[in-house]
Each structure stands twice: as structure tokens, then as C-alpha cells.
Amino acid sequence: MDAAKEEKALNAYIKFLQGKNVSNQAIAVRSKFLEKLTILLQGKSTREEYGSALETALKVEGSIERHQQLNIAREFFPFWMNDVKMIARMS
């Protein structure tokens, strides 16, 4: 995935959260973590590579708890993979 695709996935995820009436503070926390993760995801395209990038991000990011990081990453994964069916099921 190139940087433009990473940005598109992040923007789509943020719009999804806004549509779910998630607070701006919660969106900011998610965005901060995902900005770091998406940098690590550039040039990657598989589930295995996502997992590897996530493990690295978990080691680097210390401002939120690990379980919250994992939940954010699970929510974001379908957007990163552009899995429209999975995103529709989340709605």
C-alpha cells in the first residue's frame, strides 16, 4: 500500500467513527495511534505484514494501553484491507 492508500483508509475509518457518534477525544486517541501504525504499514499488503507492523507499533506507542491499541487495530484492519463487506457488517 502506498501512503495515499494509507491516508484514504485512515480517513474512511475516521468518517466511520464520526458516523457512529464517537467523541472527538476518542477519535483523536485512535488517530494518533493509527498515524504511527500506518507509517509502518506503507508498502505492505498482507495480514501477516499488518500483524508485524502492529507488533512494532505496540512496542513504540506507550500513551494508551495495549488492549486499547489492539481494539483500534482490529477495527481499522478492514479499512486498511478495503474490505467493504466487513466494513458494512460493522455498521
C-alpha atoms as a PDB file:
ATOM      1  CA  MET A   1       0.000   0.000   0.000  1.00  0.00           C
ATOM      2  CA  ASP A   2       1.277   3.441  -0.761  1.00  0.00           C
ATOM      3  CA  ALA A   3       0.927   6.457   1.517  1.00  0.00           C
ATOM      4  CA  ALA A   4      -2.154   7.724  -0.344  1.00  0.00           C
ATOM      5  CA  LYS A   5      -3.953   4.438   0.262  1.00  0.00           C
ATOM      6  CA  GLU A   6      -2.968   4.501   3.938  1.00  0.00           C
ATOM      7  CA  GLU A   7      -4.351   8.020   4.237  1.00  0.00           C
ATOM      8  CA  LYS A   8      -7.553   7.010   2.442  1.00  0.00           C
ATOM      9  CA  ALA A   9      -8.062   4.103   4.851  1.00  0.00           C
ATOM     10  CA  LEU A  10      -7.457   6.337   7.864  1.00  0.00           C
ATOM     11  CA  ASN A  11      -9.855   8.993   6.580  1.00  0.00           C
ATOM     12  CA  ALA A  12     -12.542   6.393   5.880  1.00  0.00           C
ATOM     13  CA  TYR A  13     -12.113   4.966   9.382  1.00  0.00           C
ATOM     14  CA  ILE A  14     -12.417   8.427  10.947  1.00  0.00           C
ATOM     15  CA  LYS A  15     -15.585   9.126   8.957  1.00  0.00           C
ATOM     16  CA  PHE A  16     -16.950   5.761  10.096  1.00  0.00           C
ATOM     17  CA  LEU A  17     -16.283   6.698  13.730  1.00  0.00           C
ATOM     18  CA  GLN A  18     -17.888  10.105  13.285  1.00  0.00           C
ATOM     19  CA  GLY A  19     -20.942   8.382  11.826  1.00  0.00           C
ATOM     20  CA  LYS A  20     -21.085   6.255  14.973  1.00  0.00           C
ATOM     21  CA  ASN A  21     -21.024   9.456  17.083  1.00  0.00           C
ATOM     22  CA  VAL A  22     -17.696   8.577  18.681  1.00  0.00           C
ATOM     23  CA  SER A  23     -16.362  11.530  20.683  1.00  0.00           C
ATOM     24  CA  ASN A  24     -13.721  13.780  19.166  1.00  0.00           C
ATOM     25  CA  GLN A  25     -11.382  12.885  22.026  1.00  0.00           C
ATOM     26  CA  ALA A  26     -11.706   9.158  21.315  1.00  0.00           C
ATOM     27  CA  ILE A  27     -11.163   9.782  17.596  1.00  0.00           C
ATOM     28  CA  ALA A  28      -8.025  11.784  18.400  1.00  0.00           C
ATOM     29  CA  VAL A  29      -6.619   8.924  20.501  1.00  0.00           C
ATOM     30  CA  ARG A  30      -7.310   6.435  17.716  1.00  0.00           C
ATOM     31  CA  SER A  31      -5.882   8.735  15.060  1.00  0.00           C
ATOM     32  CA  LYS A  32      -2.653   9.267  16.989  1.00  0.00           C
ATOM     33  CA  PHE A  33      -2.067   5.525  17.280  1.00  0.00           C
ATOM     34  CA  LEU A  34      -3.089   4.819  13.688  1.00  0.00           C
ATOM     35  CA  GLU A  35      -0.852   7.527  12.279  1.00  0.00           C
ATOM     36  CA  LYS A  36       2.105   5.619  13.739  1.00  0.00           C
ATOM     37  CA  LEU A  37       0.758   2.276  12.570  1.00  0.00           C
ATOM     38  CA  THR A  38       0.053   3.454   9.029  1.00  0.00           C
ATOM     39  CA  ILE A  39       3.644   4.637   8.660  1.00  0.00           C
ATOM     40  CA  LEU A  40       4.737   1.082   9.446  1.00  0.00           C
ATOM     41  CA  LEU A  41       2.150  -0.314   7.009  1.00  0.00           C
ATOM     42  CA  GLN A  42       3.418   1.567   3.972  1.00  0.00           C
ATOM     43  CA  GLY A  43       4.455  -0.865   1.262  1.00  0.00           C
ATOM     44  CA  LYS A  44       2.691  -3.764   2.968  1.00  0.00           C
ATOM     45  CA  SER A  45      -0.454  -5.581   1.861  1.00  0.00           C
ATOM     46  CA  THR A  46      -0.969  -8.851   3.758  1.00  0.00           C
ATOM     47  CA  ARG A  47      -2.492  -9.834   7.087  1.00  0.00           C
ATOM     48  CA  GLU A  48       0.893 -11.142   8.204  1.00  0.00           C
ATOM     49  CA  GLU A  49       2.587  -7.837   7.392  1.00  0.00           C
ATOM     50  CA  TYR A  50      -0.178  -5.998   9.245  1.00  0.00           C
ATOM     51  CA  GLY A  51       0.487  -8.155  12.286  1.00  0.00           C
ATOM     52  CA  SER A  52       4.207  -7.500  12.112  1.00  0.00           C
ATOM     53  CA  ALA A  53       3.691  -3.736  11.797  1.00  0.00           C
ATOM     54  CA  LEU A  54       1.233  -3.853  14.687  1.00  0.00           C
ATOM     55  CA  GLU A  55       3.731  -5.654  16.932  1.00  0.00           C
ATOM     56  CA  THR A  56       6.259  -2.912  16.219  1.00  0.00           C
ATOM     57  CA  ALA A  57       3.685  -0.183  16.888  1.00  0.00           C
ATOM     58  CA  LEU A  58       2.734  -1.822  20.188  1.00  0.00           C
ATOM     59  CA  LYS A  59       6.362  -1.619  21.315  1.00  0.00           C
ATOM     60  CA  VAL A  60       6.699   2.046  20.345  1.00  0.00           C
ATOM     61  CA  GLU A  61       3.357   3.542  21.426  1.00  0.00           C
ATOM     62  CA  GLY A  62       3.042   3.907  25.170  1.00  0.00           C
ATOM     63  CA  SER A  63       0.381   6.568  25.603  1.00  0.00           C
ATOM     64  CA  ILE A  64      -2.559   4.140  25.509  1.00  0.00           C
ATOM     65  CA  GLU A  65      -2.991   0.656  26.930  1.00  0.00           C
ATOM     66  CA  ARG A  66      -2.158  -2.420  24.880  1.00  0.00           C
ATOM     67  CA  HIS A  67      -5.721  -3.779  24.865  1.00  0.00           C
ATOM     68  CA  GLN A  68      -6.979  -0.454  23.505  1.00  0.00           C
ATOM     69  CA  GLN A  69      -4.272  -0.490  20.822  1.00  0.00           C
ATOM     70  CA  LEU A  70      -5.332  -3.994  19.786  1.00  0.00           C
ATOM     71  CA  ASN A  71      -9.002  -2.985  19.631  1.00  0.00           C
ATOM     72  CA  ILE A  72      -8.172   0.020  17.464  1.00  0.00           C
ATOM     73  CA  ALA A  73      -6.043  -2.138  15.166  1.00  0.00           C
ATOM     74  CA  ARG A  74      -8.844  -4.729  14.841  1.00  0.00           C
ATOM     75  CA  GLU A  75     -11.358  -2.035  13.949  1.00  0.00           C
ATOM     76  CA  PHE A  76      -9.011  -0.412  11.448  1.00  0.00           C
ATOM     77  CA  PHE A  77      -7.947  -3.613   9.657  1.00  0.00           C
ATOM     78  CA  PRO A  78     -10.977  -3.857   7.292  1.00  0.00           C
ATOM     79  CA  PHE A  79     -10.451  -0.244   6.251  1.00  0.00           C
ATOM     80  CA  TRP A  80      -6.781  -0.920   5.557  1.00  0.00           C
ATOM     81  CA  MET A  81      -7.687  -4.012   3.532  1.00  0.00           C
ATOM     82  CA  ASN A  82     -10.547  -2.106   1.849  1.00  0.00           C
ATOM     83  CA  ASP A  83     -12.875  -4.952   2.838  1.00  0.00           C
ATOM     84  CA  VAL A  84     -16.225  -3.336   2.055  1.00  0.00           C
ATOM     85  CA  LYS A  85     -18.230  -6.352   3.219  1.00  0.00           C
ATOM     86  CA  MET A  86     -16.568  -6.382   6.627  1.00  0.00           C
ATOM     87  CA  ILE A  87     -16.998  -2.630   6.996  1.00  0.00           C
ATOM     88  CA  ALA A  88     -20.693  -2.962   6.138  1.00  0.00           C
ATOM     89  CA  ARG A  89     -21.064  -5.623   8.844  1.00  0.00           C
ATOM     90  CA  MET A  90     -19.523  -3.239  11.370  1.00  0.00           C
ATOM     91  CA  SER A  91     -22.089  -0.556  10.573  1.00  0.00           C
END
